[in-house]
C-alpha atoms as a PDB file:
ATOM      1  CA  UNK A   1      14.316  35.232 -21.380  1.00  0.00           C
ATOM      2  CA  UNK A   2      12.738  31.808 -20.952  1.00  0.00           C
ATOM      3  CA  UNK A   3      10.621  30.852 -18.024  1.00  0.00           C
ATOM      4  CA  UNK A   4      11.190  27.609 -16.258  1.00  0.00           C
ATOM      5  CA  UNK A   5       8.014  26.084 -14.968  1.00  0.00           C
ATOM      6  CA  UNK A   6       8.104  23.735 -12.051  1.00  0.00           C
ATOM      7  CA  UNK A   7       5.312  21.359 -11.313  1.00  0.00           C
ATOM      8  CA  UNK A   8       4.685  20.479  -7.716  1.00  0.00           C
ATOM      9  CA  UNK A   9       3.421  16.957  -7.192  1.00  0.00           C
ATOM     10  CA  UNK A  10       2.041  16.386  -3.729  1.00  0.00           C
ATOM     11  CA  UNK A  11       2.760  12.659  -3.757  1.00  0.00           C
ATOM     12  CA  UNK A  12       6.397  12.794  -4.875  1.00  0.00           C
ATOM     13  CA  UNK A  13       8.581  10.768  -2.543  1.00  0.00           C
ATOM     14  CA  UNK A  14       5.631   8.766  -1.223  1.00  0.00           C
ATOM     15  CA  UNK A  15       4.202   5.337  -1.896  1.00  0.00           C
ATOM     16  CA  UNK A  16       1.453   7.049  -3.900  1.00  0.00           C
ATOM     17  CA  UNK A  17       3.726   8.776  -6.420  1.00  0.00           C
ATOM     18  CA  UNK A  18       3.082   7.863 -10.073  1.00  0.00           C
ATOM     19  CA  UNK A  19       0.382   5.340  -9.193  1.00  0.00           C
ATOM     20  CA  UNK A  20      -2.654   4.977 -11.426  1.00  0.00           C
ATOM     21  CA  UNK A  21      -5.007   4.294  -8.540  1.00  0.00           C
ATOM     22  CA  UNK A  22      -6.396   6.641  -5.930  1.00  0.00           C
ATOM     23  CA  UNK A  23      -4.588   6.900  -2.611  1.00  0.00           C
ATOM     24  CA  UNK A  24      -7.687   5.522  -0.878  1.00  0.00           C
ATOM     25  CA  UNK A  25      -7.707   2.425  -3.076  1.00  0.00           C
ATOM     26  CA  UNK A  26      -4.059   1.707  -2.293  1.00  0.00           C
ATOM     27  CA  UNK A  27      -4.651   2.145   1.430  1.00  0.00           C
ATOM     28  CA  UNK A  28      -7.775  -0.018   1.298  1.00  0.00           C
ATOM     29  CA  UNK A  29      -5.830  -2.832  -0.378  1.00  0.00           C
ATOM     30  CA  UNK A  30      -3.003  -2.612   2.157  1.00  0.00           C
ATOM     31  CA  UNK A  31      -5.564  -2.531   4.960  1.00  0.00           C
ATOM     32  CA  UNK A  32      -7.219  -5.638   3.551  1.00  0.00           C
ATOM     33  CA  UNK A  33      -3.838  -7.381   3.608  1.00  0.00           C
ATOM     34  CA  UNK A  34      -3.351  -6.317   7.223  1.00  0.00           C
ATOM     35  CA  UNK A  35      -6.744  -7.891   7.973  1.00  0.00           C
ATOM     36  CA  UNK A  36      -5.376 -11.121   6.452  1.00  0.00           C
ATOM     37  CA  UNK A  37      -7.530 -11.058   3.319  1.00  0.00           C
ATOM     38  CA  UNK A  38      -6.140 -13.080   0.443  1.00  0.00           C
ATOM     39  CA  UNK A  39      -4.809 -11.455  -2.706  1.00  0.00           C
ATOM     40  CA  UNK A  40      -7.614 -13.162  -4.623  1.00  0.00           C
ATOM     41  CA  UNK A  41     -10.202 -11.594  -2.281  1.00  0.00           C
ATOM     42  CA  UNK A  42      -8.650  -8.164  -2.745  1.00  0.00           C
ATOM     43  CA  UNK A  43      -8.769  -8.625  -6.510  1.00  0.00           C
ATOM     44  CA  UNK A  44     -12.403  -9.699  -6.333  1.00  0.00           C
ATOM     45  CA  UNK A  45     -13.478  -6.824  -4.060  1.00  0.00           C
ATOM     46  CA  UNK A  46     -11.300  -3.963  -5.318  1.00  0.00           C
ATOM     47  CA  UNK A  47     -10.605  -5.062  -8.894  1.00  0.00           C
ATOM     48  CA  UNK A  48      -6.850  -4.667  -8.467  1.00  0.00           C
ATOM     49  CA  UNK A  49      -4.514  -7.347  -9.822  1.00  0.00           C
ATOM     50  CA  UNK A  50      -2.718  -9.457  -7.241  1.00  0.00           C
ATOM     51  CA  UNK A  51       0.662  -8.497  -8.712  1.00  0.00           C
ATOM     52  CA  UNK A  52      -0.217  -4.815  -8.373  1.00  0.00           C
ATOM     53  CA  UNK A  53      -1.125  -5.194  -4.694  1.00  0.00           C
ATOM     54  CA  UNK A  54       2.156  -7.032  -4.066  1.00  0.00           C
ATOM     55  CA  UNK A  55       4.077  -4.267  -5.835  1.00  0.00           C
ATOM     56  CA  UNK A  56       2.341  -1.669  -3.660  1.00  0.00           C
ATOM     57  CA  UNK A  57       3.226  -3.708  -0.590  1.00  0.00           C
ATOM     58  CA  UNK A  58       6.907  -3.795  -1.564  1.00  0.00           C
ATOM     59  CA  UNK A  59       6.886  -0.040  -2.188  1.00  0.00           C
ATOM     60  CA  UNK A  60       5.033   0.554   1.086  1.00  0.00           C
ATOM     61  CA  UNK A  61       7.802  -1.290   2.935  1.00  0.00           C
ATOM     62  CA  UNK A  62      10.180   1.506   1.952  1.00  0.00           C
ATOM     63  CA  UNK A  63       7.725   3.980   3.513  1.00  0.00           C
ATOM     64  CA  UNK A  64       6.780   1.896   6.536  1.00  0.00           C
ATOM     65  CA  UNK A  65       6.420   4.756   9.035  1.00  0.00           C
ATOM     66  CA  UNK A  66       4.232   6.822   6.714  1.00  0.00           C
ATOM     67  CA  UNK A  67       2.026   3.863   5.796  1.00  0.00           C
ATOM     68  CA  UNK A  68       1.634   2.738   9.409  1.00  0.00           C
ATOM     69  CA  UNK A  69       0.599   6.245  10.427  1.00  0.00           C
ATOM     70  CA  UNK A  70      -2.019   6.374   7.660  1.00  0.00           C
ATOM     71  CA  UNK A  71      -3.359   2.915   8.427  1.00  0.00           C
ATOM     72  CA  UNK A  72      -3.536   3.581  12.166  1.00  0.00           C
ATOM     73  CA  UNK A  73      -5.285   6.922  11.566  1.00  0.00           C
ATOM     74  CA  UNK A  74      -7.818   5.677   9.024  1.00  0.00           C
ATOM     75  CA  UNK A  75      -8.455   2.059  10.017  1.00  0.00           C
ATOM     76  CA  UNK A  76      -8.782   0.289  13.348  1.00  0.00           C
ATOM     77  CA  UNK A  77      -5.774  -2.011  13.528  1.00  0.00           C
ATOM     78  CA  UNK A  78      -3.748  -3.487  16.299  1.00  0.00           C
ATOM     79  CA  UNK A  79       0.013  -3.397  16.287  1.00  0.00           C
ATOM     80  CA  UNK A  80      -0.053  -7.184  15.795  1.00  0.00           C
ATOM     81  CA  UNK A  81      -2.029  -6.799  12.557  1.00  0.00           C
ATOM     82  CA  UNK A  82       0.491  -4.304  11.200  1.00  0.00           C
ATOM     83  CA  UNK A  83       3.367  -6.527  12.289  1.00  0.00           C
ATOM     84  CA  UNK A  84       1.765  -9.367  10.314  1.00  0.00           C
ATOM     85  CA  UNK A  85       1.560  -7.095   7.273  1.00  0.00           C
ATOM     86  CA  UNK A  86       5.282  -6.303   7.418  1.00  0.00           C
ATOM     87  CA  UNK A  87       6.068  -9.990   8.027  1.00  0.00           C
ATOM     88  CA  UNK A  88       4.267 -10.632   4.756  1.00  0.00           C
ATOM     89  CA  UNK A  89       6.671  -8.169   3.120  1.00  0.00           C
ATOM     90  CA  UNK A  90       9.605  -9.974   4.724  1.00  0.00           C
ATOM     91  CA  UNK A  91       8.377 -13.195   3.097  1.00  0.00           C
ATOM     92  CA  UNK A  92       8.512 -11.357  -0.244  1.00  0.00           C
ATOM     93  CA  UNK A  93       4.717 -11.372  -0.484  1.00  0.00           C
ATOM     94  CA  UNK A  94       4.587 -15.002  -1.538  1.00  0.00           C
ATOM     95  CA  UNK A  95       1.096 -16.189  -2.321  1.00  0.00           C
ATOM     96  CA  UNK A  96      -0.446 -18.690   0.011  1.00  0.00           C
ATOM     97  CA  UNK A  97       0.724 -17.035   3.214  1.00  0.00           C
ATOM     98  CA  UNK A  98      -2.769 -15.758   3.936  1.00  0.00           C
END
C-alpha cells in the first residue's frame, strides 16, 4: 500500500501563492502604490523591480476584495486611495501615471 501525501499551502488561491517575497513586502508595495508612490520609489525603498510590482498589481486585481480588506486592516487608507490603485490597474499599470 502506498501513502499519498498532501501538502497544504496556506496561500494557495491567493495573491501570495508561489511568490518569492514575503506577504508583508507585497502588501507594503501595493500600499505604496495606493499612496501614489512611483514604481521607481518603490524599487528604491523596497528593492523590488518595477515589473514585479506591476505583476503583483495585476494579480491583486483578481483578488480585489481580499487585497482591499488586508490594506484597510493594516494601513490607513481612504476609499479614494484604493479606488486610485484599482484605476491604475485599469490603465494596465502604465508607467508615468504616478
